[in-house]
């Protein structure tokens, strides 16, 4: 078994694709339009598709729905980065929202940071 993707509902597909590709540097892997079912999909990730072993994020836009309540169960998506400090600077320069600057995790020495996507989803950057 392997994790294929995580699905996030988004309020504006173009805005979300821009964030994940231009701000985070992911690849737009494929899109699907289902006008009769009133939804659109875009798959983004750092790889070239599921065959390379990389998991993906499925962005789902339900036509006519521009925002969602986050609830309190969702945590975050984690992304490994080589340098969390440099990643934060690059994300800010591209217009991204860094909500926790890079630094050691409380009680430890792992370097982490947090960014938030345009719909409010939290993304943790973990330096490895």
N, C-alpha and C. Protein backbone atom coordinates (compact mmCIF):
# COMPACT_ATOMS: atom_id res chain seq x y z
N UNK A 1 0.83 -1.18 0.00
CA UNK A 1 0.00 0.00 0.00
C UNK A 1 0.88 1.24 0.00
N UNK A 2 0.31 2.33 -0.51
CA UNK A 2 0.97 3.63 -0.44
C UNK A 2 -0.09 4.71 -0.48
N UNK A 3 0.21 5.84 0.12
CA UNK A 3 -0.72 6.97 0.07
C UNK A 3 -0.65 7.58 -1.32
N UNK A 4 -1.80 7.73 -1.97
CA UNK A 4 -1.85 8.31 -3.30
C UNK A 4 -2.02 9.82 -3.27
N UNK A 5 -3.05 10.28 -2.53
CA UNK A 5 -3.27 11.72 -2.48
C UNK A 5 -4.09 12.10 -1.25
N UNK A 6 -4.06 13.39 -0.97
CA UNK A 6 -4.92 14.02 0.03
C UNK A 6 -5.78 15.02 -0.71
N UNK A 7 -7.08 15.03 -0.45
CA UNK A 7 -7.99 15.93 -1.15
C UNK A 7 -8.29 17.14 -0.28
N UNK A 8 -8.19 18.32 -0.89
CA UNK A 8 -8.55 19.59 -0.24
C UNK A 8 -9.61 20.28 -1.08
N UNK A 9 -10.68 20.73 -0.45
CA UNK A 9 -11.70 21.52 -1.16
C UNK A 9 -11.22 22.97 -1.20
N UNK A 10 -11.28 23.57 -2.38
CA UNK A 10 -10.79 24.93 -2.56
C UNK A 10 -11.88 25.83 -3.10
N UNK A 11 -11.77 27.11 -2.79
CA UNK A 11 -12.78 28.08 -3.21
C UNK A 11 -12.51 28.74 -4.55
N UNK A 12 -11.27 28.61 -5.06
CA UNK A 12 -10.91 29.22 -6.34
C UNK A 12 -9.77 28.38 -6.92
N UNK A 13 -10.06 27.63 -7.97
CA UNK A 13 -9.09 26.69 -8.50
C UNK A 13 -7.83 27.38 -9.02
N UNK A 14 -7.98 28.44 -9.77
CA UNK A 14 -6.81 29.13 -10.33
C UNK A 14 -5.91 29.66 -9.21
N UNK A 15 -6.50 30.24 -8.20
CA UNK A 15 -5.73 30.77 -7.05
C UNK A 15 -4.97 29.65 -6.35
N UNK A 16 -5.62 28.51 -6.16
CA UNK A 16 -4.97 27.38 -5.48
C UNK A 16 -3.87 26.76 -6.32
N UNK A 17 -4.12 26.58 -7.61
CA UNK A 17 -3.07 26.05 -8.48
C UNK A 17 -1.87 26.99 -8.47
N UNK A 18 -2.12 28.28 -8.53
CA UNK A 18 -1.03 29.26 -8.48
C UNK A 18 -0.22 29.11 -7.20
N UNK A 19 -0.88 28.98 -6.06
CA UNK A 19 -0.19 28.85 -4.78
C UNK A 19 0.68 27.59 -4.76
N UNK A 20 0.09 26.46 -5.09
CA UNK A 20 0.84 25.20 -4.98
C UNK A 20 1.95 25.08 -6.02
N UNK A 21 1.79 25.69 -7.19
CA UNK A 21 2.83 25.59 -8.21
C UNK A 21 3.83 26.73 -8.11
N UNK A 22 3.37 27.97 -8.03
CA UNK A 22 4.27 29.12 -8.05
C UNK A 22 4.90 29.41 -6.68
N UNK A 23 4.13 29.26 -5.62
CA UNK A 23 4.63 29.58 -4.28
C UNK A 23 5.38 28.38 -3.67
N UNK A 24 4.78 27.18 -3.74
CA UNK A 24 5.42 26.01 -3.15
C UNK A 24 6.29 25.24 -4.14
N UNK A 25 6.17 25.49 -5.42
CA UNK A 25 7.02 24.84 -6.40
C UNK A 25 6.60 23.45 -6.83
N UNK A 26 5.34 23.09 -6.60
CA UNK A 26 4.84 21.78 -7.03
C UNK A 26 4.57 21.81 -8.53
N UNK A 27 4.36 20.63 -9.09
CA UNK A 27 3.99 20.49 -10.49
C UNK A 27 2.49 20.28 -10.60
N UNK A 28 1.87 20.89 -11.61
CA UNK A 28 0.48 20.58 -11.93
C UNK A 28 0.52 19.29 -12.73
N UNK A 29 0.00 18.21 -12.16
CA UNK A 29 0.13 16.88 -12.76
C UNK A 29 -0.98 16.55 -13.74
N UNK A 30 -2.21 16.92 -13.41
CA UNK A 30 -3.34 16.66 -14.30
C UNK A 30 -4.56 17.39 -13.77
N UNK A 31 -5.52 17.61 -14.65
CA UNK A 31 -6.78 18.25 -14.27
C UNK A 31 -7.93 17.43 -14.86
N UNK A 32 -9.08 17.57 -14.23
CA UNK A 32 -10.30 16.93 -14.70
C UNK A 32 -11.43 17.92 -14.54
N UNK A 33 -12.23 18.08 -15.57
CA UNK A 33 -13.42 18.93 -15.52
C UNK A 33 -14.66 18.04 -15.60
N UNK A 34 -15.56 18.21 -14.66
CA UNK A 34 -16.82 17.46 -14.64
C UNK A 34 -17.98 18.46 -14.55
N UNK A 35 -18.27 19.18 -15.65
CA UNK A 35 -19.31 20.21 -15.60
C UNK A 35 -20.70 19.66 -15.26
N UNK A 36 -21.01 18.47 -15.73
CA UNK A 36 -22.32 17.90 -15.43
C UNK A 36 -22.47 17.56 -13.96
N UNK A 37 -21.36 17.19 -13.31
CA UNK A 37 -21.37 16.88 -11.88
C UNK A 37 -21.01 18.12 -11.05
N UNK A 38 -20.67 19.22 -11.71
CA UNK A 38 -20.40 20.52 -11.08
C UNK A 38 -19.17 20.52 -10.17
N UNK A 39 -18.08 19.90 -10.66
CA UNK A 39 -16.82 20.01 -9.92
C UNK A 39 -15.65 19.92 -10.89
N UNK A 40 -14.51 20.44 -10.40
CA UNK A 40 -13.25 20.41 -11.15
C UNK A 40 -12.17 19.89 -10.21
N UNK A 41 -11.21 19.16 -10.78
CA UNK A 41 -10.10 18.62 -10.00
C UNK A 41 -8.77 19.05 -10.60
N UNK A 42 -7.79 19.25 -9.74
CA UNK A 42 -6.41 19.46 -10.17
C UNK A 42 -5.53 18.69 -9.19
N UNK A 43 -4.60 17.94 -9.72
CA UNK A 43 -3.66 17.19 -8.89
C UNK A 43 -2.30 17.87 -8.98
N UNK A 44 -1.72 18.16 -7.81
CA UNK A 44 -0.40 18.79 -7.74
C UNK A 44 0.51 17.93 -6.87
N UNK A 45 1.81 18.05 -7.12
CA UNK A 45 2.77 17.30 -6.33
C UNK A 45 4.17 17.63 -6.78
N UNK A 46 5.15 17.12 -6.03
CA UNK A 46 6.55 17.37 -6.36
C UNK A 46 7.10 16.38 -7.37
N UNK A 47 6.41 15.28 -7.58
CA UNK A 47 6.89 14.27 -8.52
C UNK A 47 6.29 14.45 -9.89
N UNK A 48 6.21 13.33 -10.62
CA UNK A 48 5.67 13.32 -11.97
C UNK A 48 4.36 12.54 -12.05
N UNK A 49 3.81 12.16 -10.92
CA UNK A 49 2.59 11.36 -10.89
C UNK A 49 2.77 10.20 -9.94
N UNK A 50 1.69 9.47 -9.65
CA UNK A 50 1.73 8.39 -8.66
C UNK A 50 2.76 7.32 -8.94
N UNK A 51 3.13 7.14 -10.19
CA UNK A 51 4.08 6.08 -10.51
C UNK A 51 5.46 6.31 -9.91
N UNK A 52 5.78 7.55 -9.52
CA UNK A 52 7.11 7.83 -8.96
C UNK A 52 7.16 7.67 -7.45
N UNK A 53 6.05 7.27 -6.82
CA UNK A 53 6.03 7.04 -5.39
C UNK A 53 5.72 8.27 -4.55
N UNK A 54 5.61 9.41 -5.18
CA UNK A 54 5.30 10.64 -4.46
C UNK A 54 3.78 10.76 -4.27
N UNK A 55 3.34 11.12 -3.07
CA UNK A 55 1.92 11.36 -2.89
C UNK A 55 1.59 12.72 -3.50
N UNK A 56 0.32 12.95 -3.73
CA UNK A 56 -0.16 14.16 -4.40
C UNK A 56 -1.21 14.84 -3.55
N UNK A 57 -1.55 16.06 -3.93
CA UNK A 57 -2.67 16.77 -3.35
C UNK A 57 -3.71 16.95 -4.45
N UNK A 58 -4.93 16.52 -4.16
CA UNK A 58 -6.05 16.69 -5.08
C UNK A 58 -6.81 17.95 -4.65
N UNK A 59 -6.80 18.96 -5.49
CA UNK A 59 -7.57 20.18 -5.24
C UNK A 59 -8.93 19.99 -5.89
N UNK A 60 -9.98 20.15 -5.11
CA UNK A 60 -11.34 19.96 -5.61
C UNK A 60 -12.11 21.26 -5.49
N UNK A 61 -12.60 21.74 -6.62
CA UNK A 61 -13.45 22.93 -6.64
C UNK A 61 -14.87 22.49 -6.96
N UNK A 62 -15.78 22.68 -6.03
CA UNK A 62 -17.20 22.42 -6.25
C UNK A 62 -17.80 23.71 -6.78
N UNK A 63 -18.27 23.66 -8.02
CA UNK A 63 -18.74 24.86 -8.71
C UNK A 63 -19.75 25.64 -7.86
N UNK A 64 -19.46 26.92 -7.69
CA UNK A 64 -20.35 27.80 -6.95
C UNK A 64 -20.05 27.90 -5.46
N UNK A 65 -19.10 27.13 -4.95
CA UNK A 65 -18.75 27.17 -3.53
C UNK A 65 -17.38 27.84 -3.41
N UNK A 66 -17.34 29.02 -2.79
CA UNK A 66 -16.07 29.75 -2.75
C UNK A 66 -15.37 29.72 -1.40
N UNK A 67 -15.98 29.10 -0.39
CA UNK A 67 -15.26 28.94 0.89
C UNK A 67 -15.88 27.80 1.69
N UNK A 68 -15.08 27.31 2.63
CA UNK A 68 -15.49 26.19 3.49
C UNK A 68 -15.12 26.50 4.93
N UNK A 69 -15.85 25.90 5.86
CA UNK A 69 -15.47 26.00 7.26
C UNK A 69 -14.38 24.99 7.52
N UNK A 70 -13.33 25.42 8.21
CA UNK A 70 -12.20 24.53 8.45
C UNK A 70 -12.50 23.46 9.49
N UNK A 71 -13.32 23.76 10.45
CA UNK A 71 -13.55 22.80 11.53
C UNK A 71 -12.32 22.73 12.42
N UNK A 72 -12.33 21.85 13.37
CA UNK A 72 -11.18 21.77 14.27
C UNK A 72 -10.49 20.41 14.25
N UNK A 73 -10.81 19.58 13.26
CA UNK A 73 -10.18 18.27 13.18
C UNK A 73 -8.95 18.28 12.27
N UNK A 74 -8.95 19.11 11.26
CA UNK A 74 -7.82 19.15 10.32
C UNK A 74 -6.58 19.69 11.01
N UNK A 75 -5.44 19.08 10.75
CA UNK A 75 -4.18 19.54 11.31
C UNK A 75 -3.36 20.27 10.26
N UNK A 76 -2.57 19.51 9.50
CA UNK A 76 -1.74 20.13 8.48
C UNK A 76 -1.18 19.07 7.54
N UNK A 77 -0.63 19.54 6.44
CA UNK A 77 0.14 18.72 5.52
C UNK A 77 1.60 19.02 5.84
N UNK A 78 2.47 18.02 5.82
CA UNK A 78 3.89 18.24 6.09
C UNK A 78 4.69 18.03 4.81
N UNK A 79 5.65 18.93 4.59
CA UNK A 79 6.53 18.86 3.43
C UNK A 79 7.97 18.92 3.91
N UNK A 80 8.79 18.01 3.43
CA UNK A 80 10.22 18.02 3.76
C UNK A 80 10.91 19.06 2.89
N UNK A 81 11.76 19.87 3.51
CA UNK A 81 12.56 20.86 2.79
C UNK A 81 14.02 20.72 3.24
N UNK A 82 14.94 21.13 2.39
CA UNK A 82 16.35 21.07 2.76
C UNK A 82 16.71 22.17 3.74
N UNK A 83 16.13 23.36 3.55
CA UNK A 83 16.44 24.53 4.38
C UNK A 83 15.14 25.29 4.63
N UNK A 84 14.59 25.17 5.83
CA UNK A 84 13.31 25.82 6.16
C UNK A 84 13.42 27.34 6.13
N UNK A 85 14.55 27.88 6.53
CA UNK A 85 14.74 29.33 6.52
C UNK A 85 14.67 29.86 5.08
N UNK A 86 15.41 29.21 4.18
CA UNK A 86 15.42 29.63 2.78
C UNK A 86 14.05 29.42 2.14
N UNK A 87 13.38 28.31 2.49
CA UNK A 87 12.05 28.04 1.94
C UNK A 87 11.07 29.13 2.34
N UNK A 88 11.14 29.59 3.59
CA UNK A 88 10.24 30.66 4.04
C UNK A 88 10.49 31.95 3.26
N UNK A 89 11.75 32.27 3.05
CA UNK A 89 12.07 33.49 2.30
C UNK A 89 11.56 33.40 0.87
N UNK A 90 11.73 32.24 0.25
CA UNK A 90 11.26 32.04 -1.12
C UNK A 90 9.73 32.12 -1.19
N UNK A 91 9.06 31.52 -0.22
CA UNK A 91 7.59 31.54 -0.17
C UNK A 91 7.08 32.96 0.02
N UNK A 92 7.69 33.72 0.92
CA UNK A 92 7.28 35.11 1.13
C UNK A 92 7.52 35.95 -0.12
N UNK A 93 8.66 35.74 -0.79
CA UNK A 93 8.97 36.49 -2.00
C UNK A 93 7.97 36.21 -3.12
N UNK A 94 7.39 34.99 -3.11
CA UNK A 94 6.40 34.62 -4.12
C UNK A 94 4.98 35.00 -3.71
N UNK A 95 4.82 35.68 -2.56
CA UNK A 95 3.51 36.13 -2.11
C UNK A 95 2.81 35.19 -1.15
N UNK A 96 3.51 34.16 -0.67
CA UNK A 96 2.91 33.21 0.26
C UNK A 96 2.85 33.75 1.67
N UNK A 97 2.04 33.11 2.51
CA UNK A 97 1.80 33.54 3.88
C UNK A 97 2.50 32.60 4.86
N UNK A 98 3.63 33.04 5.40
CA UNK A 98 4.35 32.28 6.43
C UNK A 98 3.73 32.65 7.76
N UNK A 99 3.15 31.68 8.45
CA UNK A 99 2.46 31.96 9.71
C UNK A 99 3.29 31.60 10.93
N UNK A 100 4.35 30.82 10.73
CA UNK A 100 5.32 30.53 11.80
C UNK A 100 6.68 30.46 11.13
N UNK A 101 7.52 31.42 11.44
CA UNK A 101 8.85 31.47 10.84
C UNK A 101 9.65 30.23 11.20
N UNK A 102 10.64 29.92 10.40
CA UNK A 102 11.49 28.76 10.63
C UNK A 102 12.23 28.88 11.96
N UNK A 103 12.30 27.79 12.66
CA UNK A 103 13.01 27.72 13.93
C UNK A 103 12.78 26.37 14.58
N UNK A 104 13.46 26.12 15.68
CA UNK A 104 13.33 24.82 16.34
C UNK A 104 11.92 24.58 16.88
N UNK A 105 11.47 23.35 16.80
CA UNK A 105 10.20 22.96 17.38
C UNK A 105 10.32 23.08 18.90
N UNK A 106 9.23 23.42 19.56
CA UNK A 106 9.27 23.54 21.03
C UNK A 106 9.72 22.22 21.64
N UNK A 107 10.71 22.29 22.51
CA UNK A 107 11.18 21.11 23.21
C UNK A 107 12.10 20.22 22.39
N UNK A 108 12.53 20.68 21.22
CA UNK A 108 13.38 19.86 20.38
C UNK A 108 14.30 20.71 19.52
N UNK A 109 14.96 20.06 18.59
CA UNK A 109 15.86 20.81 17.73
C UNK A 109 15.56 20.67 16.25
N UNK A 110 14.47 19.98 15.90
CA UNK A 110 14.04 19.91 14.51
C UNK A 110 13.57 21.29 14.07
N UNK A 111 14.03 21.74 12.91
CA UNK A 111 13.64 23.05 12.40
C UNK A 111 12.37 22.90 11.58
N UNK A 112 11.35 23.69 11.96
CA UNK A 112 10.07 23.65 11.26
C UNK A 112 9.62 25.08 10.97
N UNK A 113 8.63 25.19 10.10
CA UNK A 113 7.94 26.45 9.82
C UNK A 113 6.53 26.08 9.38
N UNK A 114 5.64 27.06 9.35
CA UNK A 114 4.28 26.84 8.86
C UNK A 114 3.91 27.92 7.87
N UNK A 115 3.23 27.50 6.80
CA UNK A 115 2.65 28.42 5.84
C UNK A 115 1.17 28.07 5.73
N UNK A 116 0.40 29.00 5.21
CA UNK A 116 -1.03 28.78 5.04
C UNK A 116 -1.38 29.03 3.58
N UNK A 117 -2.17 28.13 2.99
CA UNK A 117 -2.57 28.30 1.59
C UNK A 117 -3.72 29.30 1.51
N UNK A 118 -4.15 29.68 0.31
CA UNK A 118 -5.20 30.70 0.18
C UNK A 118 -6.54 30.34 0.81
N UNK A 119 -6.79 29.05 1.03
CA UNK A 119 -8.05 28.64 1.66
C UNK A 119 -7.90 28.42 3.16
N UNK A 120 -6.71 28.67 3.70
CA UNK A 120 -6.50 28.54 5.14
C UNK A 120 -5.91 27.22 5.59
N UNK A 121 -5.59 26.31 4.67
CA UNK A 121 -4.99 25.04 5.06
C UNK A 121 -3.56 25.27 5.51
N UNK A 122 -3.19 24.63 6.62
CA UNK A 122 -1.85 24.77 7.17
C UNK A 122 -0.91 23.75 6.54
N UNK A 123 0.31 24.20 6.26
CA UNK A 123 1.33 23.34 5.68
C UNK A 123 2.59 23.52 6.51
N UNK A 124 3.07 22.42 7.06
CA UNK A 124 4.30 22.44 7.86
C UNK A 124 5.48 22.13 6.97
N UNK A 125 6.53 22.93 7.11
CA UNK A 125 7.80 22.68 6.43
C UNK A 125 8.75 22.09 7.48
N UNK A 126 9.30 20.92 7.21
CA UNK A 126 10.20 20.25 8.14
C UNK A 126 11.56 20.14 7.47
N UNK A 127 12.55 20.73 8.11
CA UNK A 127 13.90 20.70 7.55
C UNK A 127 14.55 19.34 7.77
N UNK A 128 15.06 18.75 6.69
CA UNK A 128 15.78 17.47 6.74
C UNK A 128 17.09 17.60 6.03
